Amino acid sequence: MATNDPAPVILIDDDADLLKATRQTLELAGFAVSAFSMAREALAGLDAGFAGVVVSDIRMPEIDGLQLFDHIVEVDPDIPVILVTGHGDIAMAVKAIKDGAYDFITKP
């Protein structure tokens, strides 16, 4: 990635409106965003050595954000993952951070 290339972000959220709004916000901030409504779709294109960050909702159908995080760690434990939830749970946040998540934030 050249220094002028926008930093890549893989964004996953099953809430279509929130996905669109977050994508627009990140793109306006200069990031190159690949947005997905399902974790399985995001995992299909994620390889070891991905030079960006993954931002994922936690509560999603099929594969939730915590399961996605576990899959990403198997692919490449150095990929930073930020987990986002509208359902703040301190125990879940502590576990995610202890397991290596870069950050755990709640939706407004």
PDB file of N, CA and C in Angstrom:
ATOM      1  N   MET A   1       0.839  -1.172   0.000  1.00  0.00           N
ATOM      2  CA  MET A   1       0.000   0.000   0.000  1.00  0.00           C
ATOM      3  C   MET A   1       0.887   1.239   0.000  1.00  0.00           C
ATOM      4  N   ALA A   2       0.784   2.072  -1.009  1.00  0.00           N
ATOM      5  CA  ALA A   2       1.538   3.315  -1.080  1.00  0.00           C
ATOM      6  C   ALA A   2       1.032   4.279  -0.018  1.00  0.00           C
ATOM      7  N   THR A   3       1.859   5.238   0.360  1.00  0.00           N
ATOM      8  CA  THR A   3       1.488   6.144   1.442  1.00  0.00           C
ATOM      9  C   THR A   3       0.269   7.002   1.105  1.00  0.00           C
ATOM     10  N   ASN A   4      -0.023   7.210  -0.168  1.00  0.00           N
ATOM     11  CA  ASN A   4      -1.180   8.012  -0.547  1.00  0.00           C
ATOM     12  C   ASN A   4      -2.454   7.197  -0.705  1.00  0.00           C
ATOM     13  N   ASP A   5      -2.343   5.870  -0.636  1.00  0.00           N
ATOM     14  CA  ASP A   5      -3.530   5.020  -0.755  1.00  0.00           C
ATOM     15  C   ASP A   5      -4.345   5.125   0.519  1.00  0.00           C
ATOM     16  N   PRO A   6      -5.666   5.155   0.380  1.00  0.00           N
ATOM     17  CA  PRO A   6      -6.493   5.193   1.591  1.00  0.00           C
ATOM     18  C   PRO A   6      -6.378   3.882   2.365  1.00  0.00           C
ATOM     19  N   ALA A   7      -6.410   3.977   3.675  1.00  0.00           N
ATOM     20  CA  ALA A   7      -6.320   2.788   4.520  1.00  0.00           C
ATOM     21  C   ALA A   7      -7.579   1.942   4.337  1.00  0.00           C
ATOM     22  N   PRO A   8      -7.409   0.629   4.140  1.00  0.00           N
ATOM     23  CA  PRO A   8      -8.575  -0.231   3.929  1.00  0.00           C
ATOM     24  C   PRO A   8      -9.297  -0.579   5.236  1.00  0.00           C
ATOM     25  N   VAL A   9     -10.611  -0.596   5.143  1.00  0.00           N
ATOM     26  CA  VAL A   9     -11.467  -0.987   6.268  1.00  0.00           C
ATOM     27  C   VAL A   9     -12.481  -1.992   5.746  1.00  0.00           C
ATOM     28  N   ILE A  10     -12.588  -3.117   6.430  1.00  0.00           N
ATOM     29  CA  ILE A  10     -13.675  -4.055   6.167  1.00  0.00           C
ATOM     30  C   ILE A  10     -14.715  -3.792   7.246  1.00  0.00           C
ATOM     31  N   LEU A  11     -15.909  -3.455   6.811  1.00  0.00           N
ATOM     32  CA  LEU A  11     -16.997  -3.073   7.708  1.00  0.00           C
ATOM     33  C   LEU A  11     -18.121  -4.084   7.588  1.00  0.00           C
ATOM     34  N   ILE A  12     -18.576  -4.621   8.729  1.00  0.00           N
ATOM     35  CA  ILE A  12     -19.644  -5.618   8.708  1.00  0.00           C
ATOM     36  C   ILE A  12     -20.725  -5.226   9.703  1.00  0.00           C
ATOM     37  N   ASP A  13     -21.958  -5.118   9.206  1.00  0.00           N
ATOM     38  CA  ASP A  13     -23.118  -4.846  10.063  1.00  0.00           C
ATOM     39  C   ASP A  13     -24.362  -5.293   9.326  1.00  0.00           C
ATOM     40  N   ASP A  14     -25.245  -5.998  10.014  1.00  0.00           N
ATOM     41  CA  ASP A  14     -26.461  -6.479   9.361  1.00  0.00           C
ATOM     42  C   ASP A  14     -27.565  -5.424   9.319  1.00  0.00           C
ATOM     43  N   ASP A  15     -27.358  -4.285   9.957  1.00  0.00           N
ATOM     44  CA  ASP A  15     -28.310  -3.173   9.901  1.00  0.00           C
ATOM     45  C   ASP A  15     -27.948  -2.327   8.674  1.00  0.00           C
ATOM     46  N   ALA A  16     -28.751  -2.427   7.621  1.00  0.00           N
ATOM     47  CA  ALA A  16     -28.431  -1.787   6.336  1.00  0.00           C
ATOM     48  C   ALA A  16     -28.250  -0.276   6.458  1.00  0.00           C
ATOM     49  N   ASP A  17     -29.106   0.383   7.235  1.00  0.00           N
ATOM     50  CA  ASP A  17     -28.997   1.841   7.370  1.00  0.00           C
ATOM     51  C   ASP A  17     -27.723   2.239   8.102  1.00  0.00           C
ATOM     52  N   LEU A  18     -27.407   1.516   9.157  1.00  0.00           N
ATOM     53  CA  LEU A  18     -26.194   1.822   9.911  1.00  0.00           C
ATOM     54  C   LEU A  18     -24.951   1.501   9.086  1.00  0.00           C
ATOM     55  N   LEU A  19     -24.998   0.421   8.325  1.00  0.00           N
ATOM     56  CA  LEU A  19     -23.889   0.063   7.455  1.00  0.00           C
ATOM     57  C   LEU A  19     -23.620   1.177   6.439  1.00  0.00           C
ATOM     58  N   LYS A  20     -24.684   1.667   5.825  1.00  0.00           N
ATOM     59  CA  LYS A  20     -24.544   2.728   4.826  1.00  0.00           C
ATOM     60  C   LYS A  20     -23.992   4.010   5.461  1.00  0.00           C
ATOM     61  N   ALA A  21     -24.531   4.395   6.602  1.00  0.00           N
ATOM     62  CA  ALA A  21     -24.088   5.626   7.265  1.00  0.00           C
ATOM     63  C   ALA A  21     -22.636   5.531   7.726  1.00  0.00           C
ATOM     64  N   THR A  22     -22.271   4.392   8.291  1.00  0.00           N
ATOM     65  CA  THR A  22     -20.898   4.212   8.762  1.00  0.00           C
ATOM     66  C   THR A  22     -19.931   4.184   7.591  1.00  0.00           C
ATOM     67  N   ARG A  23     -20.334   3.515   6.514  1.00  0.00           N
ATOM     68  CA  ARG A  23     -19.486   3.472   5.316  1.00  0.00           C
ATOM     69  C   ARG A  23     -19.241   4.885   4.785  1.00  0.00           C
ATOM     70  N   GLN A  24     -20.298   5.670   4.671  1.00  0.00           N
ATOM     71  CA  GLN A  24     -20.157   7.040   4.164  1.00  0.00           C
ATOM     72  C   GLN A  24     -19.246   7.870   5.063  1.00  0.00           C
ATOM     73  N   THR A  25     -19.413   7.728   6.367  1.00  0.00           N
ATOM     74  CA  THR A  25     -18.582   8.477   7.310  1.00  0.00           C
ATOM     75  C   THR A  25     -17.113   8.110   7.166  1.00  0.00           C
ATOM     76  N   LEU A  26     -16.839   6.817   7.078  1.00  0.00           N
ATOM     77  CA  LEU A  26     -15.451   6.377   6.929  1.00  0.00           C
ATOM     78  C   LEU A  26     -14.849   6.800   5.595  1.00  0.00           C
ATOM     79  N   GLU A  27     -15.645   6.721   4.527  1.00  0.00           N
ATOM     80  CA  GLU A  27     -15.145   7.142   3.212  1.00  0.00           C
ATOM     81  C   GLU A  27     -14.868   8.646   3.194  1.00  0.00           C
ATOM     82  N   LEU A  28     -15.721   9.427   3.826  1.00  0.00           N
ATOM     83  CA  LEU A  28     -15.486  10.875   3.898  1.00  0.00           C
ATOM     84  C   LEU A  28     -14.224  11.193   4.704  1.00  0.00           C
ATOM     85  N   ALA A  29     -13.890  10.300   5.630  1.00  0.00           N
ATOM     86  CA  ALA A  29     -12.673  10.472   6.427  1.00  0.00           C
ATOM     87  C   ALA A  29     -11.429   9.978   5.679  1.00  0.00           C
ATOM     88  N   GLY A  30     -11.618   9.428   4.475  1.00  0.00           N
ATOM     89  CA  GLY A  30     -10.481   9.032   3.655  1.00  0.00           C
ATOM     90  C   GLY A  30     -10.139   7.557   3.645  1.00  0.00           C
ATOM     91  N   PHE A  31     -11.003   6.725   4.200  1.00  0.00           N
ATOM     92  CA  PHE A  31     -10.746   5.284   4.213  1.00  0.00           C
ATOM     93  C   PHE A  31     -11.349   4.616   2.982  1.00  0.00           C
ATOM     94  N   ALA A  32     -10.744   3.509   2.574  1.00  0.00           N
ATOM     95  CA  ALA A  32     -11.277   2.674   1.491  1.00  0.00           C
ATOM     96  C   ALA A  32     -12.088   1.567   2.157  1.00  0.00           C
ATOM     97  N   VAL A  33     -13.405   1.653   2.051  1.00  0.00           N
ATOM     98  CA  VAL A  33     -14.285   0.764   2.804  1.00  0.00           C
ATOM     99  C   VAL A  33     -14.887  -0.319   1.917  1.00  0.00           C
ATOM    100  N   SER A  34     -14.784  -1.554   2.389  1.00  0.00           N
ATOM    101  CA  SER A  34     -15.509  -2.685   1.801  1.00  0.00           C
ATOM    102  C   SER A  34     -16.563  -3.052   2.822  1.00  0.00           C
ATOM    103  N   ALA A  35     -17.834  -2.870   2.471  1.00  0.00           N
ATOM    104  CA  ALA A  35     -18.925  -3.078   3.425  1.00  0.00           C
ATOM    105  C   ALA A  35     -19.670  -4.374   3.125  1.00  0.00           C
ATOM    106  N   PHE A  36     -20.021  -5.089   4.188  1.00  0.00           N
ATOM    107  CA  PHE A  36     -20.720  -6.363   4.076  1.00  0.00           C
ATOM    108  C   PHE A  36     -21.832  -6.431   5.119  1.00  0.00           C
ATOM    109  N   SER A  37     -22.924  -7.080   4.745  1.00  0.00           N
ATOM    110  CA  SER A  37     -24.026  -7.252   5.693  1.00  0.00           C
ATOM    111  C   SER A  37     -23.941  -8.591   6.423  1.00  0.00           C
ATOM    112  N   MET A  38     -23.053  -9.466   5.983  1.00  0.00           N
ATOM    113  CA  MET A  38     -22.895 -10.785   6.597  1.00  0.00           C
ATOM    114  C   MET A  38     -21.404 -11.068   6.815  1.00  0.00           C
ATOM    115  N   ALA A  39     -21.086 -11.641   7.950  1.00  0.00           N
ATOM    116  CA  ALA A  39     -19.692 -11.955   8.265  1.00  0.00           C
ATOM    117  C   ALA A  39     -19.091 -12.933   7.268  1.00  0.00           C
ATOM    118  N   ARG A  40     -19.883 -13.892   6.830  1.00  0.00           N
ATOM    119  CA  ARG A  40     -19.385 -14.908   5.888  1.00  0.00           C
ATOM    120  C   ARG A  40     -18.856 -14.241   4.605  1.00  0.00           C
ATOM    121  N   GLU A  41     -19.549 -13.214   4.129  1.00  0.00           N
ATOM    122  CA  GLU A  41     -19.116 -12.489   2.922  1.00  0.00           C
ATOM    123  C   GLU A  41     -17.771 -11.811   3.154  1.00  0.00           C
ATOM    124  N   ALA A  42     -17.617 -11.220   4.317  1.00  0.00           N
ATOM    125  CA  ALA A  42     -16.370 -10.520   4.634  1.00  0.00           C
ATOM    126  C   ALA A  42     -15.206 -11.500   4.739  1.00  0.00           C
ATOM    127  N   LEU A  43     -15.443 -12.630   5.363  1.00  0.00           N
ATOM    128  CA  LEU A  43     -14.379 -13.625   5.529  1.00  0.00           C
ATOM    129  C   LEU A  43     -13.879 -14.169   4.199  1.00  0.00           C
ATOM    130  N   ALA A  44     -14.756 -14.240   3.224  1.00  0.00           N
ATOM    131  CA  ALA A  44     -14.388 -14.791   1.919  1.00  0.00           C
ATOM    132  C   ALA A  44     -13.248 -14.008   1.263  1.00  0.00           C
ATOM    133  N   GLY A  45     -13.169 -12.730   1.531  1.00  0.00           N
ATOM    134  CA  GLY A  45     -12.140 -11.910   0.901  1.00  0.00           C
ATOM    135  C   GLY A  45     -11.005 -11.503   1.821  1.00  0.00           C
ATOM    136  N   LEU A  46     -10.961 -12.064   3.006  1.00  0.00           N
ATOM    137  CA  LEU A  46      -9.952 -11.670   3.989  1.00  0.00           C
ATOM    138  C   LEU A  46      -8.786 -12.648   3.979  1.00  0.00           C
ATOM    139  N   ASP A  47      -7.601 -12.139   3.715  1.00  0.00           N
ATOM    140  CA  ASP A  47      -6.403 -12.967   3.656  1.00  0.00           C
ATOM    141  C   ASP A  47      -5.408 -12.546   4.726  1.00  0.00           C
ATOM    142  N   ALA A  48      -4.497 -13.453   5.058  1.00  0.00           N
ATOM    143  CA  ALA A  48      -3.401 -13.114   5.962  1.00  0.00           C
ATOM    144  C   ALA A  48      -2.638 -11.938   5.371  1.00  0.00           C
ATOM    145  N   GLY A  49      -2.203 -11.054   6.211  1.00  0.00           N
ATOM    146  CA  GLY A  49      -1.461  -9.898   5.743  1.00  0.00           C
ATOM    147  C   GLY A  49      -2.332  -8.728   5.335  1.00  0.00           C
ATOM    148  N   PHE A  50      -3.660  -8.822   5.545  1.00  0.00           N
ATOM    149  CA  PHE A  50      -4.548  -7.700   5.241  1.00  0.00           C
ATOM    150  C   PHE A  50      -4.022  -6.467   5.963  1.00  0.00           C
ATOM    151  N   ALA A  51      -3.827  -5.390   5.213  1.00  0.00           N
ATOM    152  CA  ALA A  51      -3.167  -4.202   5.746  1.00  0.00           C
ATOM    153  C   ALA A  51      -4.130  -3.160   6.272  1.00  0.00           C
ATOM    154  N   GLY A  52      -5.303  -3.579   6.690  1.00  0.00           N
ATOM    155  CA  GLY A  52      -6.282  -2.629   7.188  1.00  0.00           C
ATOM    156  C   GLY A  52      -6.842  -3.068   8.517  1.00  0.00           C
ATOM    157  N   VAL A  53      -8.046  -2.595   8.780  1.00  0.00           N
ATOM    158  CA  VAL A  53      -8.733  -2.896  10.030  1.00  0.00           C
ATOM    159  C   VAL A  53     -10.116  -3.458   9.716  1.00  0.00           C
ATOM    160  N   VAL A  54     -10.599  -4.318  10.594  1.00  0.00           N
ATOM    161  CA  VAL A  54     -11.950  -4.862  10.477  1.00  0.00           C
ATOM    162  C   VAL A  54     -12.799  -4.237  11.571  1.00  0.00           C
ATOM    163  N   VAL A  55     -13.952  -3.696  11.174  1.00  0.00           N
ATOM    164  CA  VAL A  55     -14.913  -3.127  12.126  1.00  0.00           C
ATOM    165  C   VAL A  55     -16.192  -3.932  11.975  1.00  0.00           C
ATOM    166  N   SER A  56     -16.609  -4.593  13.063  1.00  0.00           N
ATOM    167  CA  SER A  56     -17.755  -5.491  12.963  1.00  0.00           C
ATOM    168  C   SER A  56     -18.748  -5.312  14.100  1.00  0.00           C
ATOM    169  N   ASP A  57     -20.019  -5.349  13.719  1.00  0.00           N
ATOM    170  CA  ASP A  57     -21.089  -5.448  14.702  1.00  0.00           C
ATOM    171  C   ASP A  57     -20.931  -6.802  15.390  1.00  0.00           C
ATOM    172  N   ILE A  58     -21.466  -6.926  16.593  1.00  0.00           N
ATOM    173  CA  ILE A  58     -21.379  -8.206  17.299  1.00  0.00           C
ATOM    174  C   ILE A  58     -22.608  -9.062  17.041  1.00  0.00           C
ATOM    175  N   ARG A  59     -23.776  -8.499  17.202  1.00  0.00           N
ATOM    176  CA  ARG A  59     -24.998  -9.298  17.065  1.00  0.00           C
ATOM    177  C   ARG A  59     -25.454  -9.320  15.616  1.00  0.00           C
ATOM    178  N   MET A  60     -25.156 -10.452  14.962  1.00  0.00           N
ATOM    179  CA  MET A  60     -25.533 -10.657  13.566  1.00  0.00           C
ATOM    180  C   MET A  60     -25.969 -12.109  13.394  1.00  0.00           C
ATOM    181  N   PRO A  61     -26.781 -12.387  12.367  1.00  0.00           N
ATOM    182  CA  PRO A  61     -27.190 -13.770  12.125  1.00  0.00           C
ATOM    183  C   PRO A  61     -26.028 -14.620  11.589  1.00  0.00           C
ATOM    184  N   GLU A  62     -26.190 -15.916  11.661  1.00  0.00           N
ATOM    185  CA  GLU A  62     -25.211 -16.905  11.197  1.00  0.00           C
ATOM    186  C   GLU A  62     -23.917 -16.829  11.986  1.00  0.00           C
ATOM    187  N   ILE A  63     -23.020 -15.948  11.599  1.00  0.00           N
ATOM    188  CA  ILE A  63     -21.743 -15.773  12.301  1.00  0.00           C
ATOM    189  C   ILE A  63     -21.798 -14.423  13.012  1.00  0.00           C
ATOM    190  N   ASP A  64     -21.718 -14.426  14.343  1.00  0.00           N
ATOM    191  CA  ASP A  64     -21.753 -13.137  15.044  1.00  0.00           C
ATOM    192  C   ASP A  64     -20.346 -12.537  15.076  1.00  0.00           C
ATOM    193  N   GLY A  65     -20.243 -11.331  15.588  1.00  0.00           N
ATOM    194  CA  GLY A  65     -18.971 -10.626  15.580  1.00  0.00           C
ATOM    195  C   GLY A  65     -17.873 -11.316  16.369  1.00  0.00           C
ATOM    196  N   LEU A  66     -18.241 -11.970  17.471  1.00  0.00           N
ATOM    197  CA  LEU A  66     -17.231 -12.673  18.262  1.00  0.00           C
ATOM    198  C   LEU A  66     -16.716 -13.906  17.527  1.00  0.00           C
ATOM    199  N   GLN A  67     -17.613 -14.612  16.858  1.00  0.00           N
ATOM    200  CA  GLN A  67     -17.185 -15.764  16.049  1.00  0.00           C
ATOM    201  C   GLN A  67     -16.320 -15.282  14.873  1.00  0.00           C
ATOM    202  N   LEU A  68     -16.727 -14.175  14.267  1.00  0.00           N
ATOM    203  CA  LEU A  68     -15.940 -13.586  13.181  1.00  0.00           C
ATOM    204  C   LEU A  68     -14.538 -13.253  13.676  1.00  0.00           C
ATOM    205  N   PHE A  69     -14.465 -12.638  14.849  1.00  0.00           N
ATOM    206  CA  PHE A  69     -13.168 -12.298  15.434  1.00  0.00           C
ATOM    207  C   PHE A  69     -12.298 -13.549  15.577  1.00  0.00           C
ATOM    208  N   ASP A  70     -12.873 -14.639  16.076  1.00  0.00           N
ATOM    209  CA  ASP A  70     -12.121 -15.889  16.210  1.00  0.00           C
ATOM    210  C   ASP A  70     -11.600 -16.378  14.859  1.00  0.00           C
ATOM    211  N   HIS A  71     -12.424 -16.283  13.810  1.00  0.00           N
ATOM    212  CA  HIS A  71     -11.997 -16.692  12.460  1.00  0.00           C
ATOM    213  C   HIS A  71     -10.851 -15.803  11.966  1.00  0.00           C
ATOM    214  N   ILE A  72     -10.956 -14.510  12.218  1.00  0.00           N
ATOM    215  CA  ILE A  72      -9.912 -13.578  11.770  1.00  0.00           C
ATOM    216  C   ILE A  72      -8.593 -13.886  12.468  1.00  0.00           C
ATOM    217  N   VAL A  73      -8.644 -14.179  13.762  1.00  0.00           N
ATOM    218  CA  VAL A  73      -7.425 -14.521  14.499  1.00  0.00           C
ATOM    219  C   VAL A  73      -6.777 -15.768  13.902  1.00  0.00           C
ATOM    220  N   GLU A  74      -7.594 -16.720  13.444  1.00  0.00           N
ATOM    221  CA  GLU A  74      -7.044 -17.917  12.798  1.00  0.00           C
ATOM    222  C   GLU A  74      -6.369 -17.575  11.475  1.00  0.00           C
ATOM    223  N   VAL A  75      -6.946 -16.620  10.730  1.00  0.00           N
ATOM    224  CA  VAL A  75      -6.376 -16.204   9.441  1.00  0.00           C
ATOM    225  C   VAL A  75      -5.084 -15.421   9.659  1.00  0.00           C
ATOM    226  N   ASP A  76      -5.139 -14.439  10.566  1.00  0.00           N
ATOM    227  CA  ASP A  76      -3.988 -13.583  10.842  1.00  0.00           C
ATOM    228  C   ASP A  76      -4.238 -12.853  12.161  1.00  0.00           C
ATOM    229  N   PRO A  77      -3.550 -13.255  13.224  1.00  0.00           N
ATOM    230  CA  PRO A  77      -3.788 -12.630  14.532  1.00  0.00           C
ATOM    231  C   PRO A  77      -3.349 -11.173  14.605  1.00  0.00           C
ATOM    232  N   ASP A  78      -2.655 -10.681  13.595  1.00  0.00           N
ATOM    233  CA  ASP A  78      -2.196  -9.293  13.607  1.00  0.00           C
ATOM    234  C   ASP A  78      -3.194  -8.314  12.985  1.00  0.00           C
ATOM    235  N   ILE A  79      -4.293  -8.807  12.428  1.00  0.00           N
ATOM    236  CA  ILE A  79      -5.301  -7.909  11.851  1.00  0.00           C
ATOM    237  C   ILE A  79      -6.074  -7.258  12.992  1.00  0.00           C
ATOM    238  N   PRO A  80      -6.070  -5.920  13.057  1.00  0.00           N
ATOM    239  CA  PRO A  80      -6.826  -5.267  14.123  1.00  0.00           C
ATOM    240  C   PRO A  80      -8.332  -5.384  13.885  1.00  0.00           C
ATOM    241  N   VAL A  81      -9.049  -5.724  14.947  1.00  0.00           N
ATOM    242  CA  VAL A  81     -10.498  -5.889  14.874  1.00  0.00           C
ATOM    243  C   VAL A  81     -11.135  -5.000  15.926  1.00  0.00           C
ATOM    244  N   ILE A  82     -12.080  -4.179  15.492  1.00  0.00           N
ATOM    245  CA  ILE A  82     -12.870  -3.350  16.396  1.00  0.00           C
ATOM    246  C   ILE A  82     -14.276  -3.914  16.399  1.00  0.00           C
ATOM    247  N   LEU A  83     -14.759  -4.282  17.570  1.00  0.00           N
ATOM    248  CA  LEU A  83     -16.103  -4.838  17.711  1.00  0.00           C
ATOM    249  C   LEU A  83     -17.047  -3.752  18.208  1.00  0.00           C
ATOM    250  N   VAL A  84     -18.223  -3.707  17.596  1.00  0.00           N
ATOM    251  CA  VAL A  84     -19.209  -2.661  17.899  1.00  0.00           C
ATOM    252  C   VAL A  84     -20.517  -3.333  18.282  1.00  0.00           C
ATOM    253  N   THR A  85     -21.166  -2.798  19.306  1.00  0.00           N
ATOM    254  CA  THR A  85     -22.445  -3.365  19.700  1.00  0.00           C
ATOM    255  C   THR A  85     -23.405  -2.298  20.199  1.00  0.00           C
ATOM    256  N   GLY A  86     -24.654  -2.547  19.996  1.00  0.00           N
ATOM    257  CA  GLY A  86     -25.703  -1.702  20.548  1.00  0.00           C
ATOM    258  C   GLY A  86     -26.184  -2.249  21.876  1.00  0.00           C
ATOM    259  N   HIS A  87     -25.594  -3.356  22.289  1.00  0.00           N
ATOM    260  CA  HIS A  87     -26.001  -4.040  23.523  1.00  0.00           C
ATOM    261  C   HIS A  87     -24.774  -4.173  24.409  1.00  0.00           C
ATOM    262  N   GLY A  88     -24.409  -3.070  25.098  1.00  0.00           N
ATOM    263  CA  GLY A  88     -23.208  -3.066  25.919  1.00  0.00           C
ATOM    264  C   GLY A  88     -23.233  -4.158  26.970  1.00  0.00           C
ATOM    265  N   ASP A  89     -22.183  -4.907  27.042  1.00  0.00           N
ATOM    266  CA  ASP A  89     -22.044  -6.008  27.980  1.00  0.00           C
ATOM    267  C   ASP A  89     -20.596  -5.994  28.446  1.00  0.00           C
ATOM    268  N   ILE A  90     -20.376  -5.607  29.684  1.00  0.00           N
ATOM    269  CA  ILE A  90     -19.017  -5.440  30.196  1.00  0.00           C
ATOM    270  C   ILE A  90     -18.235  -6.753  30.141  1.00  0.00           C
ATOM    271  N   ALA A  91     -18.853  -7.851  30.517  1.00  0.00           N
ATOM    272  CA  ALA A  91     -18.160  -9.141  30.493  1.00  0.00           C
ATOM    273  C   ALA A  91     -17.733  -9.500  29.069  1.00  0.00           C
ATOM    274  N   MET A  92     -18.624  -9.232  28.100  1.00  0.00           N
ATOM    275  CA  MET A  92     -18.300  -9.514  26.697  1.00  0.00           C
ATOM    276  C   MET A  92     -17.149  -8.635  26.231  1.00  0.00           C
ATOM    277  N   ALA A  93     -17.170  -7.364  26.622  1.00  0.00           N
ATOM    278  CA  ALA A  93     -16.111  -6.437  26.228  1.00  0.00           C
ATOM    279  C   ALA A  93     -14.766  -6.865  26.813  1.00  0.00           C
ATOM    280  N   VAL A  94     -14.754  -7.223  28.074  1.00  0.00           N
ATOM    281  CA  VAL A  94     -13.517  -7.652  28.722  1.00  0.00           C
ATOM    282  C   VAL A  94     -12.963  -8.894  28.033  1.00  0.00           C
ATOM    283  N   LYS A  95     -13.823  -9.858  27.748  1.00  0.00           N
ATOM    284  CA  LYS A  95     -13.375 -11.087  27.074  1.00  0.00           C
ATOM    285  C   LYS A  95     -12.801 -10.772  25.695  1.00  0.00           C
ATOM    286  N   ALA A  96     -13.501  -9.918  24.924  1.00  0.00           N
ATOM    287  CA  ALA A  96     -13.026  -9.581  23.581  1.00  0.00           C
ATOM    288  C   ALA A  96     -11.648  -8.922  23.629  1.00  0.00           C
ATOM    289  N   ILE A  97     -11.463  -8.001  24.539  1.00  0.00           N
ATOM    290  CA  ILE A  97     -10.170  -7.310  24.650  1.00  0.00           C
ATOM    291  C   ILE A  97      -9.086  -8.297  25.116  1.00  0.00           C
ATOM    292  N   LYS A  98      -9.406  -9.128  26.088  1.00  0.00           N
ATOM    293  CA  LYS A  98      -8.432 -10.130  26.547  1.00  0.00           C
ATOM    294  C   LYS A  98      -8.052 -11.094  25.429  1.00  0.00           C
ATOM    295  N   ASP A  99      -9.023 -11.385  24.548  1.00  0.00           N
ATOM    296  CA  ASP A  99      -8.759 -12.307  23.433  1.00  0.00           C
ATOM    297  C   ASP A  99      -7.991 -11.644  22.303  1.00  0.00           C
ATOM    298  N   GLY A 100      -7.800 -10.320  22.394  1.00  0.00           N
ATOM    299  CA  GLY A 100      -6.973  -9.640  21.399  1.00  0.00           C
ATOM    300  C   GLY A 100      -7.677  -8.651  20.502  1.00  0.00           C
ATOM    301  N   ALA A 101      -8.966  -8.402  20.729  1.00  0.00           N
ATOM    302  CA  ALA A 101      -9.649  -7.383  19.917  1.00  0.00           C
ATOM    303  C   ALA A 101      -8.957  -6.042  20.148  1.00  0.00           C
ATOM    304  N   TYR A 102      -8.868  -5.241  19.107  1.00  0.00           N
ATOM    305  CA  TYR A 102      -8.217  -3.939  19.208  1.00  0.00           C
ATOM    306  C   TYR A 102      -9.037  -2.996  20.088  1.00  0.00           C
ATOM    307  N   ASP A 103     -10.370  -3.052  19.921  1.00  0.00           N
ATOM    308  CA  ASP A 103     -11.246  -2.202  20.724  1.00  0.00           C
ATOM    309  C   ASP A 103     -12.651  -2.781  20.713  1.00  0.00           C
ATOM    310  N   PHE A 104     -13.439  -2.351  21.643  1.00  0.00           N
ATOM    311  CA  PHE A 104     -14.832  -2.773  21.788  1.00  0.00           C
ATOM    312  C   PHE A 104     -15.601  -1.511  22.113  1.00  0.00           C
ATOM    313  N   ILE A 105     -16.484  -1.093  21.198  1.00  0.00           N
ATOM    314  CA  ILE A 105     -17.219   0.153  21.416  1.00  0.00           C
ATOM    315  C   ILE A 105     -18.715  -0.085  21.302  1.00  0.00           C
ATOM    316  N   THR A 106     -19.482   0.783  21.967  1.00  0.00           N
ATOM    317  CA  THR A 106     -20.932   0.668  21.894  1.00  0.00           C
ATOM    318  C   THR A 106     -21.468   1.687  20.895  1.00  0.00           C
ATOM    319  N   LYS A 107     -22.556   1.296  20.241  1.00  0.00           N
ATOM    320  CA  LYS A 107     -23.224   2.202  19.316  1.00  0.00           C
ATOM    321  C   LYS A 107     -23.959   3.259  20.134  1.00  0.00           C
ATOM    322  N   PRO A 108     -24.068   4.457  19.589  1.00  0.00           N
ATOM    323  CA  PRO A 108     -24.790   5.504  20.318  1.00  0.00           C
ATOM    324  C   PRO A 108     -26.282   5.205  20.414  1.00  0.00           C
TER     325      PRO A 108
END
